[in-house]
C-alpha cells in the first residue's frame, strides 16, 4: 500500500494485519482520485472505517486541508497513527476511535465534510444494514453544500440510501464505488 500522488507520492504505508481491513488497489485508487481531483484542494475529508488510513492520507497528500479518520479496531488504529506520524500530517489529522454508528449522537463535533469515504466491512451488510442506512443519513447531514459520499462495497450488494442521491457508480471487478450527494445538494463532479 502506498500514496500514489501528491506531496507524499510513492511513500509506503503500513498495511493491514489479517483481514480486518480491505486495502484498495492502486489502479482503483487512481481512477477514483482522477474523478475527485477537482474537489480535493482545501477539502475536509472523513475516512470512515479508515483501517490504516489509505484514503484519508491520499487526500492529504493531494491537497486536502484536513482528514478525520474514524476507526475502532485497535490494530488498525495503531497502524493508522503510525502512518499519520510517518507522513508528518498529524496537524491536519484527527483520529476518532469511538464506534461510528453512535458517534454523531454523542454531542462531539467534527467539521462538516466535503468528501466522506464510507467503506464499511462487508460483514455489516447482513448484520447492520439498517444501522448503515441510518449512518448514511447522519453523514449526509454532515456534508457541506456540494459535498459527496463515496461508498465502496461488494458489487453484489445494494443498499438504498433515501437521504442521498446517487451521482454515479463504477464497478471494478467485485467492488463497486458509488458517488452520492445530499438529496438537496449540488455536485461538483
C-alpha atoms as a PDB file:
ATOM      1  CA  UNK A   1       0.000   0.000   0.000  1.00  0.00           C
ATOM      2  CA  UNK A   2       1.331   3.409  -0.943  1.00  0.00           C
ATOM      3  CA  UNK A   3       0.419   7.023  -1.621  1.00  0.00           C
ATOM      4  CA  UNK A   4       0.062   7.310  -5.393  1.00  0.00           C
ATOM      5  CA  UNK A   5       0.150  11.077  -5.998  1.00  0.00           C
ATOM      6  CA  UNK A   6       0.748  14.485  -4.483  1.00  0.00           C
ATOM      7  CA  UNK A   7       3.108  15.664  -1.772  1.00  0.00           C
ATOM      8  CA  UNK A   8       3.796  12.150  -0.437  1.00  0.00           C
ATOM      9  CA  UNK A   9       3.787  10.300  -3.758  1.00  0.00           C
ATOM     10  CA  UNK A  10       5.433   6.901  -3.570  1.00  0.00           C
ATOM     11  CA  UNK A  11       5.549   6.756   0.231  1.00  0.00           C
ATOM     12  CA  UNK A  12       4.705   3.324   1.550  1.00  0.00           C
ATOM     13  CA  UNK A  13       2.032   2.941   4.202  1.00  0.00           C
ATOM     14  CA  UNK A  14       1.942   0.290   6.875  1.00  0.00           C
ATOM     15  CA  UNK A  15      -0.600  -2.228   5.677  1.00  0.00           C
ATOM     16  CA  UNK A  16      -3.377  -4.087   7.425  1.00  0.00           C
ATOM     17  CA  UNK A  17      -2.787  -7.097   9.590  1.00  0.00           C
ATOM     18  CA  UNK A  18      -5.110 -10.008   8.869  1.00  0.00           C
ATOM     19  CA  UNK A  19      -8.472  -9.486   7.214  1.00  0.00           C
ATOM     20  CA  UNK A  20      -9.765  -6.625   9.377  1.00  0.00           C
ATOM     21  CA  UNK A  21      -9.245  -4.082   6.590  1.00  0.00           C
ATOM     22  CA  UNK A  22      -9.557  -4.330   2.797  1.00  0.00           C
ATOM     23  CA  UNK A  23      -6.987  -2.161   1.019  1.00  0.00           C
ATOM     24  CA  UNK A  24      -7.980  -0.649  -2.298  1.00  0.00           C
ATOM     25  CA  UNK A  25      -5.753  -1.399  -5.292  1.00  0.00           C
ATOM     26  CA  UNK A  26      -3.574   1.347  -6.776  1.00  0.00           C
ATOM     27  CA  UNK A  27      -5.431   1.119 -10.098  1.00  0.00           C
ATOM     28  CA  UNK A  28      -8.843   1.657  -8.499  1.00  0.00           C
ATOM     29  CA  UNK A  29      -7.496   4.360  -6.184  1.00  0.00           C
ATOM     30  CA  UNK A  30      -6.007   6.232  -9.171  1.00  0.00           C
ATOM     31  CA  UNK A  31      -9.284   6.035 -11.080  1.00  0.00           C
ATOM     32  CA  UNK A  32     -11.242   7.263  -8.057  1.00  0.00           C
ATOM     33  CA  UNK A  33      -8.905  10.168  -7.359  1.00  0.00           C
ATOM     34  CA  UNK A  34      -8.897  11.204 -11.033  1.00  0.00           C
ATOM     35  CA  UNK A  35     -12.651  11.774 -10.591  1.00  0.00           C
ATOM     36  CA  UNK A  36     -12.222  13.588  -7.262  1.00  0.00           C
ATOM     37  CA  UNK A  37      -9.270  15.798  -8.293  1.00  0.00           C
ATOM     38  CA  UNK A  38     -11.340  18.992  -8.828  1.00  0.00           C
ATOM     39  CA  UNK A  39     -12.719  18.989  -5.270  1.00  0.00           C
ATOM     40  CA  UNK A  40      -9.604  17.825  -3.408  1.00  0.00           C
ATOM     41  CA  UNK A  41      -7.650  21.077  -2.787  1.00  0.00           C
ATOM     42  CA  UNK A  42      -8.637  22.511   0.594  1.00  0.00           C
ATOM     43  CA  UNK A  43     -11.222  19.794   1.275  1.00  0.00           C
ATOM     44  CA  UNK A  44     -12.263  18.444   4.652  1.00  0.00           C
ATOM     45  CA  UNK A  45     -12.449  14.656   4.406  1.00  0.00           C
ATOM     46  CA  UNK A  46     -13.933  11.900   6.566  1.00  0.00           C
ATOM     47  CA  UNK A  47     -12.330   8.469   6.200  1.00  0.00           C
ATOM     48  CA  UNK A  48     -14.999   6.220   7.772  1.00  0.00           C
ATOM     49  CA  UNK A  49     -13.932   2.708   8.762  1.00  0.00           C
ATOM     50  CA  UNK A  50     -10.476   4.058   7.948  1.00  0.00           C
ATOM     51  CA  UNK A  51      -8.385   0.987   8.581  1.00  0.00           C
ATOM     52  CA  UNK A  52      -4.799   2.152   8.225  1.00  0.00           C
ATOM     53  CA  UNK A  53      -5.876   5.441   6.615  1.00  0.00           C
ATOM     54  CA  UNK A  54      -5.074   4.931   2.949  1.00  0.00           C
ATOM     55  CA  UNK A  55      -7.933   7.056   1.589  1.00  0.00           C
ATOM     56  CA  UNK A  56      -7.656   9.972   4.001  1.00  0.00           C
ATOM     57  CA  UNK A  57      -3.866  10.059   3.726  1.00  0.00           C
ATOM     58  CA  UNK A  58      -4.087  10.053  -0.075  1.00  0.00           C
ATOM     59  CA  UNK A  59      -6.425  13.061   0.219  1.00  0.00           C
ATOM     60  CA  UNK A  60      -3.978  14.917   2.463  1.00  0.00           C
ATOM     61  CA  UNK A  61      -1.167  14.188   0.026  1.00  0.00           C
ATOM     62  CA  UNK A  62      -3.288  15.651  -2.781  1.00  0.00           C
ATOM     63  CA  UNK A  63      -4.046  18.918  -1.000  1.00  0.00           C
ATOM     64  CA  UNK A  64      -6.962  18.258   1.339  1.00  0.00           C
ATOM     65  CA  UNK A  65      -6.930  20.648   4.273  1.00  0.00           C
ATOM     66  CA  UNK A  66      -7.980  18.143   6.922  1.00  0.00           C
ATOM     67  CA  UNK A  67      -8.872  14.473   7.382  1.00  0.00           C
ATOM     68  CA  UNK A  68     -10.961  12.939  10.148  1.00  0.00           C
ATOM     69  CA  UNK A  69     -10.296   9.206  10.482  1.00  0.00           C
ATOM     70  CA  UNK A  70     -12.964   7.002  12.109  1.00  0.00           C
ATOM     71  CA  UNK A  71     -11.696   3.573  13.241  1.00  0.00           C
ATOM     72  CA  UNK A  72     -12.266   1.325  16.276  1.00  0.00           C
ATOM     73  CA  UNK A  73     -10.090  -1.726  15.585  1.00  0.00           C
ATOM     74  CA  UNK A  74      -7.049  -1.460  17.857  1.00  0.00           C
ATOM     75  CA  UNK A  75      -4.508  -2.973  15.476  1.00  0.00           C
ATOM     76  CA  UNK A  76      -5.706  -0.760  12.616  1.00  0.00           C
ATOM     77  CA  UNK A  77      -5.661   2.302  14.909  1.00  0.00           C
ATOM     78  CA  UNK A  78      -2.044   1.640  15.855  1.00  0.00           C
ATOM     79  CA  UNK A  79      -1.021   1.432  12.198  1.00  0.00           C
ATOM     80  CA  UNK A  80      -3.156   4.449  11.273  1.00  0.00           C
ATOM     81  CA  UNK A  81      -1.427   6.596  13.889  1.00  0.00           C
ATOM     82  CA  UNK A  82       1.991   5.357  12.731  1.00  0.00           C
ATOM     83  CA  UNK A  83       1.123   6.222   9.114  1.00  0.00           C
ATOM     84  CA  UNK A  84      -0.030   9.719  10.135  1.00  0.00           C
ATOM     85  CA  UNK A  85       3.197  10.248  12.080  1.00  0.00           C
ATOM     86  CA  UNK A  86       5.388   8.895   9.269  1.00  0.00           C
ATOM     87  CA  UNK A  87       3.865  11.358   6.792  1.00  0.00           C
ATOM     88  CA  UNK A  88       4.049  14.180   9.357  1.00  0.00           C
ATOM     89  CA  UNK A  89       0.387  15.150   8.857  1.00  0.00           C
ATOM     90  CA  UNK A  90      -0.826  14.980  12.452  1.00  0.00           C
ATOM     91  CA  UNK A  91      -1.545  18.737  12.364  1.00  0.00           C
ATOM     92  CA  UNK A  92      -4.115  18.071   9.607  1.00  0.00           C
ATOM     93  CA  UNK A  93      -5.452  14.782  11.003  1.00  0.00           C
ATOM     94  CA  UNK A  94      -7.940  13.834  13.672  1.00  0.00           C
ATOM     95  CA  UNK A  95      -8.474  10.236  14.764  1.00  0.00           C
ATOM     96  CA  UNK A  96     -11.856   9.298  16.244  1.00  0.00           C
ATOM     97  CA  UNK A  97     -11.627   5.904  17.914  1.00  0.00           C
ATOM     98  CA  UNK A  98     -15.239   5.544  19.030  1.00  0.00           C
ATOM     99  CA  UNK A  99     -17.962   3.493  17.365  1.00  0.00           C
ATOM    100  CA  UNK A 100     -19.015   5.406  14.259  1.00  0.00           C
ATOM    101  CA  UNK A 101     -22.563   4.032  14.470  1.00  0.00           C
ATOM    102  CA  UNK A 102     -23.228   6.056  17.605  1.00  0.00           C
ATOM    103  CA  UNK A 103     -20.757   8.910  17.182  1.00  0.00           C
ATOM    104  CA  UNK A 104     -22.984  11.624  15.718  1.00  0.00           C
ATOM    105  CA  UNK A 105     -25.461  11.379  18.583  1.00  0.00           C
ATOM    106  CA  UNK A 106     -22.839  11.961  21.290  1.00  0.00           C
ATOM    107  CA  UNK A 107     -22.579  15.731  21.008  1.00  0.00           C
ATOM    108  CA  UNK A 108     -18.924  15.515  19.934  1.00  0.00           C
ATOM    109  CA  UNK A 109     -18.388  17.778  16.975  1.00  0.00           C
ATOM    110  CA  UNK A 110     -16.300  17.448  13.864  1.00  0.00           C
ATOM    111  CA  UNK A 111     -16.112  19.927  10.981  1.00  0.00           C
ATOM    112  CA  UNK A 112     -18.527  19.467   8.088  1.00  0.00           C
ATOM    113  CA  UNK A 113     -17.093  17.424   5.234  1.00  0.00           C
ATOM    114  CA  UNK A 114     -16.579  17.999   1.528  1.00  0.00           C
ATOM    115  CA  UNK A 115     -15.857  14.303   0.965  1.00  0.00           C
ATOM    116  CA  UNK A 116     -16.842  11.259   3.007  1.00  0.00           C
ATOM    117  CA  UNK A 117     -15.322   7.866   2.261  1.00  0.00           C
ATOM    118  CA  UNK A 118     -17.751   5.245   3.559  1.00  0.00           C
ATOM    119  CA  UNK A 119     -16.108   1.849   3.370  1.00  0.00           C
ATOM    120  CA  UNK A 120     -17.735  -0.459   5.953  1.00  0.00           C
ATOM    121  CA  UNK A 121     -16.564  -4.021   6.457  1.00  0.00           C
ATOM    122  CA  UNK A 122     -18.541  -6.271   4.148  1.00  0.00           C
ATOM    123  CA  UNK A 123     -19.943  -8.235   7.119  1.00  0.00           C
ATOM    124  CA  UNK A 124     -22.097  -5.219   8.055  1.00  0.00           C
ATOM    125  CA  UNK A 125     -24.326  -5.780   5.030  1.00  0.00           C
ATOM    126  CA  UNK A 126     -26.042  -8.720   6.674  1.00  0.00           C
ATOM    127  CA  UNK A 127     -25.584  -7.763  10.326  1.00  0.00           C
ATOM    128  CA  UNK A 128     -26.236  -3.999  10.320  1.00  0.00           C
ATOM    129  CA  UNK A 129     -27.892  -2.863   7.082  1.00  0.00           C
ATOM    130  CA  UNK A 130     -30.377  -0.663   8.962  1.00  0.00           C
ATOM    131  CA  UNK A 131     -27.554   0.865  11.022  1.00  0.00           C
ATOM    132  CA  UNK A 132     -25.621   1.578   7.787  1.00  0.00           C
ATOM    133  CA  UNK A 133     -28.675   3.304   6.336  1.00  0.00           C
ATOM    134  CA  UNK A 134     -29.018   5.462   9.471  1.00  0.00           C
ATOM    135  CA  UNK A 135     -25.285   6.237   9.447  1.00  0.00           C
ATOM    136  CA  UNK A 136     -25.503   7.353   5.805  1.00  0.00           C
ATOM    137  CA  UNK A 137     -28.332   9.734   6.780  1.00  0.00           C
ATOM    138  CA  UNK A 138     -26.230  11.147   9.620  1.00  0.00           C
ATOM    139  CA  UNK A 139     -23.262  11.569   7.287  1.00  0.00           C
ATOM    140  CA  UNK A 140     -25.490  13.336   4.739  1.00  0.00           C
ATOM    141  CA  UNK A 141     -26.278  15.859   7.469  1.00  0.00           C
ATOM    142  CA  UNK A 142     -22.532  16.451   7.938  1.00  0.00           C
ATOM    143  CA  UNK A 143     -21.892  17.357   4.290  1.00  0.00           C
ATOM    144  CA  UNK A 144     -21.065  20.871   3.181  1.00  0.00           C
ATOM    145  CA  UNK A 145     -23.140  22.107   0.211  1.00  0.00           C
ATOM    146  CA  UNK A 146     -21.977  20.154  -2.829  1.00  0.00           C
ATOM    147  CA  UNK A 147     -20.335  17.504  -0.634  1.00  0.00           C
ATOM    148  CA  UNK A 148     -20.018  13.888  -1.726  1.00  0.00           C
ATOM    149  CA  UNK A 149     -20.197  10.494  -0.036  1.00  0.00           C
ATOM    150  CA  UNK A 150     -18.029   7.869  -1.734  1.00  0.00           C
ATOM    151  CA  UNK A 151     -19.469   4.454  -0.832  1.00  0.00           C
ATOM    152  CA  UNK A 152     -17.354   1.356  -1.507  1.00  0.00           C
ATOM    153  CA  UNK A 153     -18.911  -2.105  -1.255  1.00  0.00           C
ATOM    154  CA  UNK A 154     -19.065  -5.576  -2.742  1.00  0.00           C
ATOM    155  CA  UNK A 155     -20.506  -5.395  -6.269  1.00  0.00           C
ATOM    156  CA  UNK A 156     -23.159  -7.996  -5.399  1.00  0.00           C
ATOM    157  CA  UNK A 157     -24.594  -5.837  -2.602  1.00  0.00           C
ATOM    158  CA  UNK A 158     -27.014  -2.936  -2.868  1.00  0.00           C
ATOM    159  CA  UNK A 159     -28.175  -0.577  -0.141  1.00  0.00           C
ATOM    160  CA  UNK A 160     -30.794   2.043  -0.869  1.00  0.00           C
ATOM    161  CA  UNK A 161     -29.961   5.334   0.809  1.00  0.00           C
ATOM    162  CA  UNK A 162     -33.096   7.503   0.545  1.00  0.00           C
ATOM    163  CA  UNK A 163     -31.450  10.585   2.087  1.00  0.00           C
ATOM    164  CA  UNK A 164     -28.848  10.670  -0.698  1.00  0.00           C
ATOM    165  CA  UNK A 165     -28.878  10.999  -4.478  1.00  0.00           C
ATOM    166  CA  UNK A 166     -26.643   8.687  -6.499  1.00  0.00           C
ATOM    167  CA  UNK A 167     -24.499  10.690  -8.948  1.00  0.00           C
ATOM    168  CA  UNK A 168     -22.572   7.855 -10.498  1.00  0.00           C
ATOM    169  CA  UNK A 169     -21.431   4.307  -9.958  1.00  0.00           C
ATOM    170  CA  UNK A 170     -18.269   2.470 -11.014  1.00  0.00           C
ATOM    171  CA  UNK A 171     -17.613  -1.255 -10.744  1.00  0.00           C
ATOM    172  CA  UNK A 172     -14.100  -2.692 -10.615  1.00  0.00           C
ATOM    173  CA  UNK A 173     -14.119  -6.474 -10.569  1.00  0.00           C
ATOM    174  CA  UNK A 174     -16.032  -7.495  -7.441  1.00  0.00           C
ATOM    175  CA  UNK A 175     -16.098  -3.977  -5.966  1.00  0.00           C
ATOM    176  CA  UNK A 176     -18.482  -1.094  -6.600  1.00  0.00           C
ATOM    177  CA  UNK A 177     -17.880   2.560  -5.773  1.00  0.00           C
ATOM    178  CA  UNK A 178     -20.954   4.781  -5.666  1.00  0.00           C
ATOM    179  CA  UNK A 179     -20.846   8.582  -5.578  1.00  0.00           C
ATOM    180  CA  UNK A 180     -23.677  10.165  -3.574  1.00  0.00           C
ATOM    181  CA  UNK A 181     -24.613  13.691  -2.653  1.00  0.00           C
ATOM    182  CA  UNK A 182     -27.159  15.043  -0.203  1.00  0.00           C
ATOM    183  CA  UNK A 183     -30.683  14.958  -1.572  1.00  0.00           C
ATOM    184  CA  UNK A 184     -30.733  18.753  -1.947  1.00  0.00           C
ATOM    185  CA  UNK A 185     -27.052  19.413  -2.648  1.00  0.00           C
ATOM    186  CA  UNK A 186     -25.338  20.017  -5.935  1.00  0.00           C
ATOM    187  CA  UNK A 187     -22.389  18.042  -7.151  1.00  0.00           C
ATOM    188  CA  UNK A 188     -19.124  19.486  -8.340  1.00  0.00           C
ATOM    189  CA  UNK A 189     -18.142  16.231 -10.062  1.00  0.00           C
END
